[in-house]
Amino acid sequence: MKKKLQLIDLVRTFCILSVMAQHLGVHYRPEVQTWGAQLWEVYASKGAYGVSLFFVISGFLITRLIDTNLGGLSKPRLMAFYGRRLARIVPLLLVVMVVGVVFLWALPNEGQPDMTFRGAQVSFNFVFFLSILTFTFNWLVVFKEFIFHQSFYGLYWVVLWSLSIEEQFYLVYPLVLKYLKPRSWLPFCLIGAVVLGLGSRWWVYLNDPTNFHLGLLNSFSGFEEIAIGVTLYLASKRYQKFLSKNKTVPTLLFVSGTLLLAVLYSQTLYPVDFIWEPTLLAGALFLLLLGGLNLEFFESPWLKPFAYPGKISYGMYLWHALVLFLAGGFIFRFDTFFSFAVFIFLTITLGSLSYYLFELPMNRWVRKLVEKTW
């Protein structure tokens, strides 16, 4: 498989911008309902779809990393894997937490909540911070949503739910790869993850059909999409030679996946469709990437600027709420589309500084430290 996967970053760019569009759209709507405004409404209302697609890409990339750099899928080097995850995820997460605590301390604790750092009727206690550090934050939100219907800690914190789901999966995933006997059971495990995801959303719909977040934020729903990403890597590896020699097939797969994504973005309806939406979205991206990764067009240097936000998407995801909070007064001075462009520019700027001045150096330092220790 090719070392460079620019299409992956292009898709991640689409995903992070959809999340940002939704969070901007919460505050800002087009004044005139032109076709462009209608397109914006569709895109800005489907930020959760971007997270679903992120999960698929994550499963693909992690499996590729284990297979090519960390001992292979049958004998993954566990300490090397966990060390890499620690180095990539934790340093920036700790900084984000410290910045959040500073704002919690600086902002007034009474009156109208700002809804970025401090939501309504929630407490920032030991359990809250422990859930973030142990990657169980999504379950804390689910518990409060289902029991108390009071879960919005603020946008700055709530985005961490998806990170929690990923790390829960990656705590167990390499252990399954290493110790699952016989190997033929792996497809059944992946199918089981899909069934659990669908089942969890069905259960939520049957018991509380208006509780979209409970269906979205439970871990089983996210595990399903990550498992489909794992399956994507396995299929890509198995059929690479065939797809690379028969360009018509990957083109048809890519077009089919793209059209299905377009239909899902434009036609799905809440609340019933949230049962099937993550599965169908993951399936559409499966087709798109299975084909697109074998098309040379997506490695074009002309597309590199569009892939750049995807490269730094982790930092953009964690920092975009801060940008919206600090620069909202400036951003909202313009019309919707120019406001979105300004929001993107400022978030890319902060994300780039974070990536090159902190994330990369800390990643290298932590990995070296882990390698010496283990």
Protein backbone atom coordinates (compact mmCIF):
# COMPACT_ATOMS: atom_id res chain seq x y z
CA MET A 1 0.00 0.00 0.00
CA LYS A 2 1.22 3.50 -0.80
CA LYS A 3 3.08 5.36 1.91
CA LYS A 4 1.33 8.64 1.16
CA LEU A 5 -2.43 8.68 1.50
CA GLN A 6 -3.39 12.22 0.59
CA LEU A 7 -7.02 11.23 0.07
CA ILE A 8 -7.23 10.36 3.77
CA ASP A 9 -6.24 13.91 4.68
CA LEU A 10 -8.66 15.32 2.11
CA VAL A 11 -11.50 13.41 3.76
CA ARG A 12 -10.31 14.52 7.21
CA THR A 13 -10.40 18.11 5.96
CA PHE A 14 -14.01 17.60 4.92
CA CYS A 15 -14.76 16.11 8.35
CA ILE A 16 -13.16 18.79 10.51
CA LEU A 17 -14.73 21.57 8.45
CA SER A 18 -18.17 19.96 8.82
CA VAL A 19 -17.75 19.89 12.60
CA MET A 20 -16.67 23.54 12.58
CA ALA A 21 -19.55 24.47 10.29
CA GLN A 22 -22.05 22.97 12.69
CA HIS A 23 -20.57 24.76 15.68
CA LEU A 24 -20.51 28.03 13.77
CA GLY A 25 -24.04 27.39 12.52
CA VAL A 26 -25.35 27.07 16.07
CA HIS A 27 -24.78 30.81 16.34
CA TYR A 28 -25.08 31.93 12.74
CA ARG A 29 -27.52 31.26 9.91
CA PRO A 30 -27.67 32.66 6.35
CA GLU A 31 -29.85 35.72 5.97
CA VAL A 32 -31.08 34.89 2.43
CA GLN A 33 -32.15 31.37 1.43
CA THR A 34 -30.27 30.98 -1.85
CA TRP A 35 -29.16 27.57 -3.17
CA GLY A 36 -25.77 28.23 -1.59
CA ALA A 37 -27.43 28.97 1.73
CA GLN A 38 -29.43 25.75 1.50
CA LEU A 39 -26.24 23.81 0.78
CA TRP A 40 -24.66 25.44 3.80
CA GLU A 41 -27.61 24.48 5.99
CA VAL A 42 -27.22 20.83 4.98
CA TYR A 43 -23.47 20.83 5.60
CA ALA A 44 -23.62 22.82 8.83
CA SER A 45 -26.36 20.65 10.31
CA LYS A 46 -24.41 17.40 9.82
CA GLY A 47 -21.31 17.95 11.94
CA ALA A 48 -21.98 14.65 13.73
CA TYR A 49 -21.56 12.94 10.35
CA GLY A 50 -18.02 14.32 10.21
CA VAL A 51 -17.21 12.59 13.50
CA SER A 52 -18.62 9.30 12.18
CA LEU A 53 -16.33 9.54 9.16
CA PHE A 54 -13.39 10.40 11.43
CA PHE A 55 -13.93 7.12 13.29
CA VAL A 56 -13.74 5.11 10.06
CA ILE A 57 -10.50 6.83 9.04
CA SER A 58 -9.07 6.29 12.51
CA GLY A 59 -9.71 2.54 12.39
CA PHE A 60 -8.08 2.36 8.97
CA LEU A 61 -4.98 4.33 9.96
CA ILE A 62 -4.41 2.58 13.28
CA THR A 63 -4.65 -0.85 11.65
CA ARG A 64 -2.26 0.26 8.91
CA LEU A 65 0.17 1.57 11.55
CA ILE A 66 0.15 -1.73 13.46
CA ASP A 67 0.53 -3.77 10.29
CA THR A 68 3.39 -1.78 8.78
CA ASN A 69 5.34 -0.39 11.76
CA LEU A 70 4.41 -2.11 15.00
CA GLY A 71 5.00 -5.81 14.49
CA GLY A 72 2.12 -6.77 12.21
CA LEU A 73 -1.51 -7.64 12.85
CA SER A 74 -0.79 -11.09 14.25
CA LYS A 75 1.95 -10.02 16.67
CA PRO A 76 1.55 -6.32 17.49
CA ARG A 77 4.15 -4.83 19.82
CA LEU A 78 1.86 -3.66 22.60
CA MET A 79 4.20 -1.31 24.45
CA ALA A 80 5.25 0.35 21.20
CA PHE A 81 1.61 0.82 20.24
CA TYR A 82 0.52 2.27 23.57
CA GLY A 83 3.62 4.46 23.66
CA ARG A 84 2.73 5.93 20.28
CA ARG A 85 -0.84 6.62 21.35
CA LEU A 86 0.40 8.26 24.53
CA ALA A 87 2.83 10.46 22.61
CA ARG A 88 0.27 11.52 19.99
CA ILE A 89 -2.80 12.10 22.15
CA VAL A 90 -1.93 12.97 25.74
CA PRO A 91 0.44 16.01 25.55
CA LEU A 92 -2.01 18.20 23.65
CA LEU A 93 -4.94 16.90 25.70
CA LEU A 94 -3.19 17.99 28.92
CA VAL A 95 -2.55 21.46 27.52
CA VAL A 96 -6.18 21.73 26.42
CA MET A 97 -7.28 20.78 29.92
CA VAL A 98 -4.99 23.36 31.54
CA VAL A 99 -6.25 26.11 29.22
CA GLY A 100 -9.82 25.08 29.97
CA VAL A 101 -9.22 25.22 33.73
CA VAL A 102 -7.76 28.72 33.38
CA PHE A 103 -10.90 29.90 31.60
CA LEU A 104 -13.14 28.19 34.13
CA TRP A 105 -11.31 30.06 36.87
CA ALA A 106 -11.36 33.38 35.02
CA LEU A 107 -14.98 33.34 33.87
CA PRO A 108 -17.77 34.16 36.33
CA ASN A 109 -19.45 31.19 37.96
CA GLU A 110 -22.81 32.89 38.26
CA GLY A 111 -25.28 34.32 35.81
CA GLN A 112 -25.75 33.21 32.21
CA PRO A 113 -23.35 30.37 31.25
CA ASP A 114 -21.11 31.11 28.28
CA MET A 115 -21.81 27.62 26.82
CA THR A 116 -18.22 27.33 25.58
CA PHE A 117 -16.35 26.64 28.81
CA ARG A 118 -19.18 26.44 31.29
CA GLY A 119 -22.57 24.94 30.50
CA ALA A 120 -25.75 25.03 32.52
CA GLN A 121 -26.29 23.03 35.74
CA VAL A 122 -23.11 20.95 35.56
CA SER A 123 -20.22 20.71 38.00
CA PHE A 124 -16.54 20.61 37.12
CA ASN A 125 -15.44 18.31 39.89
CA PHE A 126 -12.93 15.50 40.37
CA VAL A 127 -15.15 13.02 38.49
CA PHE A 128 -15.31 15.33 35.48
CA PHE A 129 -11.53 15.67 35.12
CA LEU A 130 -10.90 12.01 35.95
CA SER A 131 -13.28 10.98 33.17
CA ILE A 132 -11.24 12.99 30.66
CA LEU A 133 -7.92 11.57 31.83
CA THR A 134 -9.27 8.00 31.79
CA PHE A 135 -11.05 8.46 28.44
CA THR A 136 -14.47 7.72 29.89
CA PHE A 137 -15.84 11.22 29.39
CA ASN A 138 -18.41 10.11 26.82
CA TRP A 139 -19.98 7.81 29.42
CA LEU A 140 -20.17 10.66 31.93
CA VAL A 141 -22.02 12.73 29.34
CA VAL A 142 -24.26 9.77 28.46
CA PHE A 143 -25.07 9.18 32.14
CA LYS A 144 -26.04 12.79 32.74
CA GLU A 145 -27.97 12.96 29.47
CA PHE A 146 -29.99 9.84 30.19
CA ILE A 147 -30.52 10.19 33.95
CA PHE A 148 -30.58 13.95 34.51
CA HIS A 149 -30.95 15.36 30.98
CA GLN A 150 -28.26 17.88 31.92
CA SER A 151 -25.04 17.12 30.11
CA PHE A 152 -23.81 20.15 28.22
CA TYR A 153 -20.54 21.06 29.92
CA GLY A 154 -19.69 23.55 27.20
CA LEU A 155 -18.48 23.15 23.62
CA TYR A 156 -14.80 23.31 24.59
CA TRP A 157 -15.18 20.16 26.71
CA VAL A 158 -17.93 18.25 24.94
CA VAL A 159 -15.84 17.64 21.80
CA LEU A 160 -13.70 15.28 23.90
CA TRP A 161 -16.40 12.58 23.78
CA SER A 162 -15.12 11.22 20.47
CA LEU A 163 -11.54 11.05 21.73
CA SER A 164 -12.73 8.95 24.67
CA ILE A 165 -14.43 6.44 22.38
CA GLU A 166 -11.36 6.08 20.18
CA GLU A 167 -9.02 5.45 23.09
CA GLN A 168 -11.38 2.91 24.67
CA PHE A 169 -11.31 0.97 21.40
CA TYR A 170 -7.52 1.22 21.08
CA LEU A 171 -6.97 0.04 24.62
CA VAL A 172 -8.55 -3.32 23.70
CA TYR A 173 -7.91 -3.60 19.96
CA PRO A 174 -4.19 -4.55 19.98
CA LEU A 175 -4.88 -7.09 22.74
CA VAL A 176 -7.53 -8.71 20.55
CA LEU A 177 -5.12 -8.81 17.62
CA LYS A 178 -2.37 -10.36 19.72
CA TYR A 179 -4.28 -12.91 21.75
CA LEU A 180 -7.35 -13.80 19.67
CA LYS A 181 -7.13 -17.48 18.73
CA PRO A 182 -7.87 -18.61 16.11
CA ARG A 183 -7.33 -15.66 13.80
CA SER A 184 -10.45 -16.59 11.88
CA TRP A 185 -12.49 -15.09 14.74
CA LEU A 186 -11.42 -11.52 13.87
CA PRO A 187 -14.12 -11.01 11.17
CA PHE A 188 -16.75 -12.13 13.69
CA CYS A 189 -15.43 -9.60 16.22
CA LEU A 190 -15.70 -6.82 13.63
CA ILE A 191 -19.22 -7.92 12.66
CA GLY A 192 -20.10 -8.04 16.36
CA ALA A 193 -18.96 -4.43 16.77
CA VAL A 194 -21.27 -3.37 13.93
CA VAL A 195 -24.20 -5.28 15.45
CA LEU A 196 -23.59 -3.72 18.86
CA GLY A 197 -23.48 -0.24 17.32
CA LEU A 198 -26.77 -0.72 15.54
CA GLY A 199 -28.30 -2.40 18.58
CA SER A 200 -27.30 0.41 20.93
CA ARG A 201 -28.96 3.01 18.72
CA TRP A 202 -32.09 0.89 18.31
CA TRP A 203 -32.34 0.55 22.07
CA VAL A 204 -32.03 4.31 22.53
CA TYR A 205 -34.65 4.97 19.86
CA LEU A 206 -37.11 2.52 21.39
CA ASN A 207 -36.65 3.91 24.92
CA ASP A 208 -36.09 7.61 24.26
CA PRO A 209 -36.50 8.46 20.54
CA THR A 210 -35.70 12.15 21.04
CA ASN A 211 -32.35 11.49 22.75
CA PHE A 212 -30.07 11.72 19.73
CA HIS A 213 -26.95 12.29 21.84
CA LEU A 214 -27.42 9.13 23.86
CA GLY A 215 -27.43 7.12 20.64
CA LEU A 216 -24.44 8.97 19.26
CA LEU A 217 -22.17 9.25 22.31
CA ASN A 218 -22.31 5.70 23.63
CA SER A 219 -19.09 3.81 22.92
CA PHE A 220 -20.69 0.94 21.00
CA SER A 221 -21.90 3.31 18.31
CA GLY A 222 -18.38 4.63 17.75
CA PHE A 223 -16.81 1.17 17.95
CA GLU A 224 -18.96 0.14 15.00
CA GLU A 225 -17.51 2.82 12.72
CA ILE A 226 -13.93 2.18 13.86
CA ALA A 227 -14.44 -1.54 13.15
CA ILE A 228 -15.60 -0.68 9.63
CA GLY A 229 -12.39 1.35 9.25
CA VAL A 230 -10.41 -1.73 10.33
CA THR A 231 -12.28 -3.78 7.74
CA LEU A 232 -11.47 -1.15 5.12
CA TYR A 233 -7.76 -1.60 5.72
CA LEU A 234 -8.03 -5.39 5.55
CA ALA A 235 -9.99 -5.18 2.28
CA SER A 236 -7.58 -2.60 0.82
CA LYS A 237 -4.61 -4.82 1.58
CA ARG A 238 -6.24 -7.96 0.23
CA TYR A 239 -7.47 -6.46 -3.05
CA GLN A 240 -4.72 -3.91 -3.67
CA LYS A 241 -3.16 -5.67 -6.66
CA PHE A 242 -6.53 -6.19 -8.33
CA LEU A 243 -7.65 -2.61 -7.77
CA SER A 244 -4.34 -1.12 -8.88
CA LYS A 245 -4.49 -3.03 -12.19
CA ASN A 246 -8.18 -2.42 -12.97
CA LYS A 247 -8.73 1.33 -12.75
CA THR A 248 -12.37 1.12 -13.78
CA VAL A 249 -13.29 -0.75 -10.61
CA PRO A 250 -11.78 1.75 -8.11
CA THR A 251 -13.33 4.60 -10.10
CA LEU A 252 -16.77 2.99 -9.83
CA LEU A 253 -16.25 2.33 -6.11
CA PHE A 254 -15.19 5.93 -5.51
CA VAL A 255 -18.11 7.39 -7.46
CA SER A 256 -20.58 5.05 -5.74
CA GLY A 257 -19.29 5.99 -2.29
CA THR A 258 -19.35 9.70 -3.12
CA LEU A 259 -22.92 9.57 -4.42
CA LEU A 260 -24.07 7.62 -1.38
CA LEU A 261 -22.46 10.19 0.93
CA ALA A 262 -24.20 12.99 -0.96
CA VAL A 263 -27.56 11.25 -0.58
CA LEU A 264 -27.00 10.63 3.14
CA TYR A 265 -26.03 14.26 3.75
CA SER A 266 -28.98 15.64 1.84
CA GLN A 267 -31.80 13.17 2.57
CA THR A 268 -31.45 11.64 6.04
CA LEU A 269 -33.98 12.73 8.64
CA TYR A 270 -33.85 12.97 12.43
CA PRO A 271 -34.65 11.09 14.61
CA VAL A 272 -35.29 7.74 12.89
CA ASP A 273 -32.31 7.89 10.57
CA PHE A 274 -29.79 8.25 13.36
CA ILE A 275 -30.22 4.49 13.88
CA TRP A 276 -28.85 3.68 10.41
CA GLU A 277 -26.88 6.83 9.61
CA PRO A 278 -23.50 5.86 11.17
CA THR A 279 -23.58 2.44 9.50
CA LEU A 280 -24.52 3.81 6.09
CA LEU A 281 -22.03 6.68 6.34
CA ALA A 282 -19.26 4.28 7.25
CA GLY A 283 -20.27 2.01 4.36
CA ALA A 284 -20.24 4.93 1.93
CA LEU A 285 -16.78 6.02 3.06
CA PHE A 286 -15.64 2.40 2.84
CA LEU A 287 -16.53 2.37 -0.88
CA LEU A 288 -15.11 5.84 -1.50
CA LEU A 289 -11.73 5.06 0.06
CA LEU A 290 -11.47 1.48 -1.20
CA GLY A 291 -11.64 2.92 -4.69
CA GLY A 292 -10.08 6.34 -4.20
CA LEU A 293 -6.90 5.09 -2.53
CA ASN A 294 -6.06 3.37 -5.81
CA LEU A 295 -6.56 6.48 -7.97
CA GLU A 296 -3.41 8.52 -8.64
CA PHE A 297 -5.42 11.70 -9.07
CA PHE A 298 -5.73 12.15 -5.32
CA GLU A 299 -1.94 12.24 -4.90
CA SER A 300 -1.74 15.36 -7.06
CA PRO A 301 0.35 18.17 -5.52
CA TRP A 302 -2.43 20.56 -6.53
CA LEU A 303 -4.63 19.00 -3.88
CA LYS A 304 -2.02 19.29 -1.12
CA PRO A 305 -3.31 22.65 0.26
CA PHE A 306 -6.79 21.14 0.63
CA ALA A 307 -5.34 18.14 2.47
CA TYR A 308 -3.39 20.30 4.94
CA PRO A 309 -6.26 20.90 7.43
CA GLY A 310 -6.73 17.15 7.57
CA LYS A 311 -3.09 16.73 8.52
CA ILE A 312 -3.49 18.99 11.56
CA SER A 313 -7.11 18.04 12.25
CA TYR A 314 -6.47 16.77 15.81
CA GLY A 315 -5.34 20.19 16.94
CA MET A 316 -8.03 21.96 14.95
CA TYR A 317 -10.67 19.76 16.54
CA LEU A 318 -9.50 20.48 20.09
CA TRP A 319 -8.87 24.21 19.56
CA HIS A 320 -11.73 25.36 17.32
CA ALA A 321 -14.08 26.06 20.24
CA LEU A 322 -11.44 28.35 21.78
CA VAL A 323 -11.12 30.22 18.46
CA LEU A 324 -14.87 30.65 18.28
CA PHE A 325 -14.96 31.94 21.86
CA LEU A 326 -12.06 34.39 21.53
CA ALA A 327 -12.73 35.65 18.01
CA GLY A 328 -16.50 35.27 17.83
CA GLY A 329 -17.07 39.03 18.02
CA PHE A 330 -14.89 39.49 14.95
CA ILE A 331 -16.05 36.39 13.07
CA PHE A 332 -19.75 37.26 13.33
CA ARG A 333 -19.25 40.72 11.84
CA PHE A 334 -19.34 39.25 8.34
CA ASP A 335 -21.88 37.31 6.28
CA THR A 336 -22.13 33.58 6.91
CA PHE A 337 -19.73 32.28 4.28
CA PHE A 338 -17.03 34.84 4.87
CA SER A 339 -17.40 34.25 8.61
CA PHE A 340 -16.79 30.56 8.01
CA ALA A 341 -13.70 31.37 5.94
CA VAL A 342 -12.34 33.57 8.74
CA PHE A 343 -13.13 30.86 11.29
CA ILE A 344 -11.25 28.30 9.16
CA PHE A 345 -8.25 30.60 8.69
CA LEU A 346 -7.92 31.38 12.40
CA THR A 347 -8.34 27.73 13.41
CA ILE A 348 -5.78 26.56 10.84
CA THR A 349 -3.36 29.19 12.13
CA LEU A 350 -3.74 28.08 15.74
CA GLY A 351 -3.74 24.42 14.72
CA SER A 352 -0.50 24.89 12.75
CA LEU A 353 1.23 26.58 15.67
CA SER A 354 0.04 23.80 17.93
CA TYR A 355 1.17 21.08 15.52
CA TYR A 356 4.65 22.32 14.66
CA LEU A 357 5.64 24.08 17.89
CA PHE A 358 4.17 21.63 20.39
CA GLU A 359 2.56 18.43 19.08
CA LEU A 360 5.43 17.23 16.87
CA PRO A 361 8.25 18.06 19.34
CA MET A 362 6.35 16.51 22.24
CA ASN A 363 5.46 13.48 20.15
CA ARG A 364 9.14 12.84 19.41
CA TRP A 365 10.21 13.49 23.00
CA VAL A 366 7.59 11.24 24.59
CA ARG A 367 8.28 8.43 22.11
CA LYS A 368 12.00 8.55 22.87
CA LEU A 369 11.25 8.56 26.59
CA VAL A 370 8.91 5.60 26.25
CA GLU A 371 11.42 3.67 24.13
CA LYS A 372 14.13 4.18 26.75
CA THR A 373 11.81 3.17 29.57
CA TRP A 374 10.44 0.06 27.85
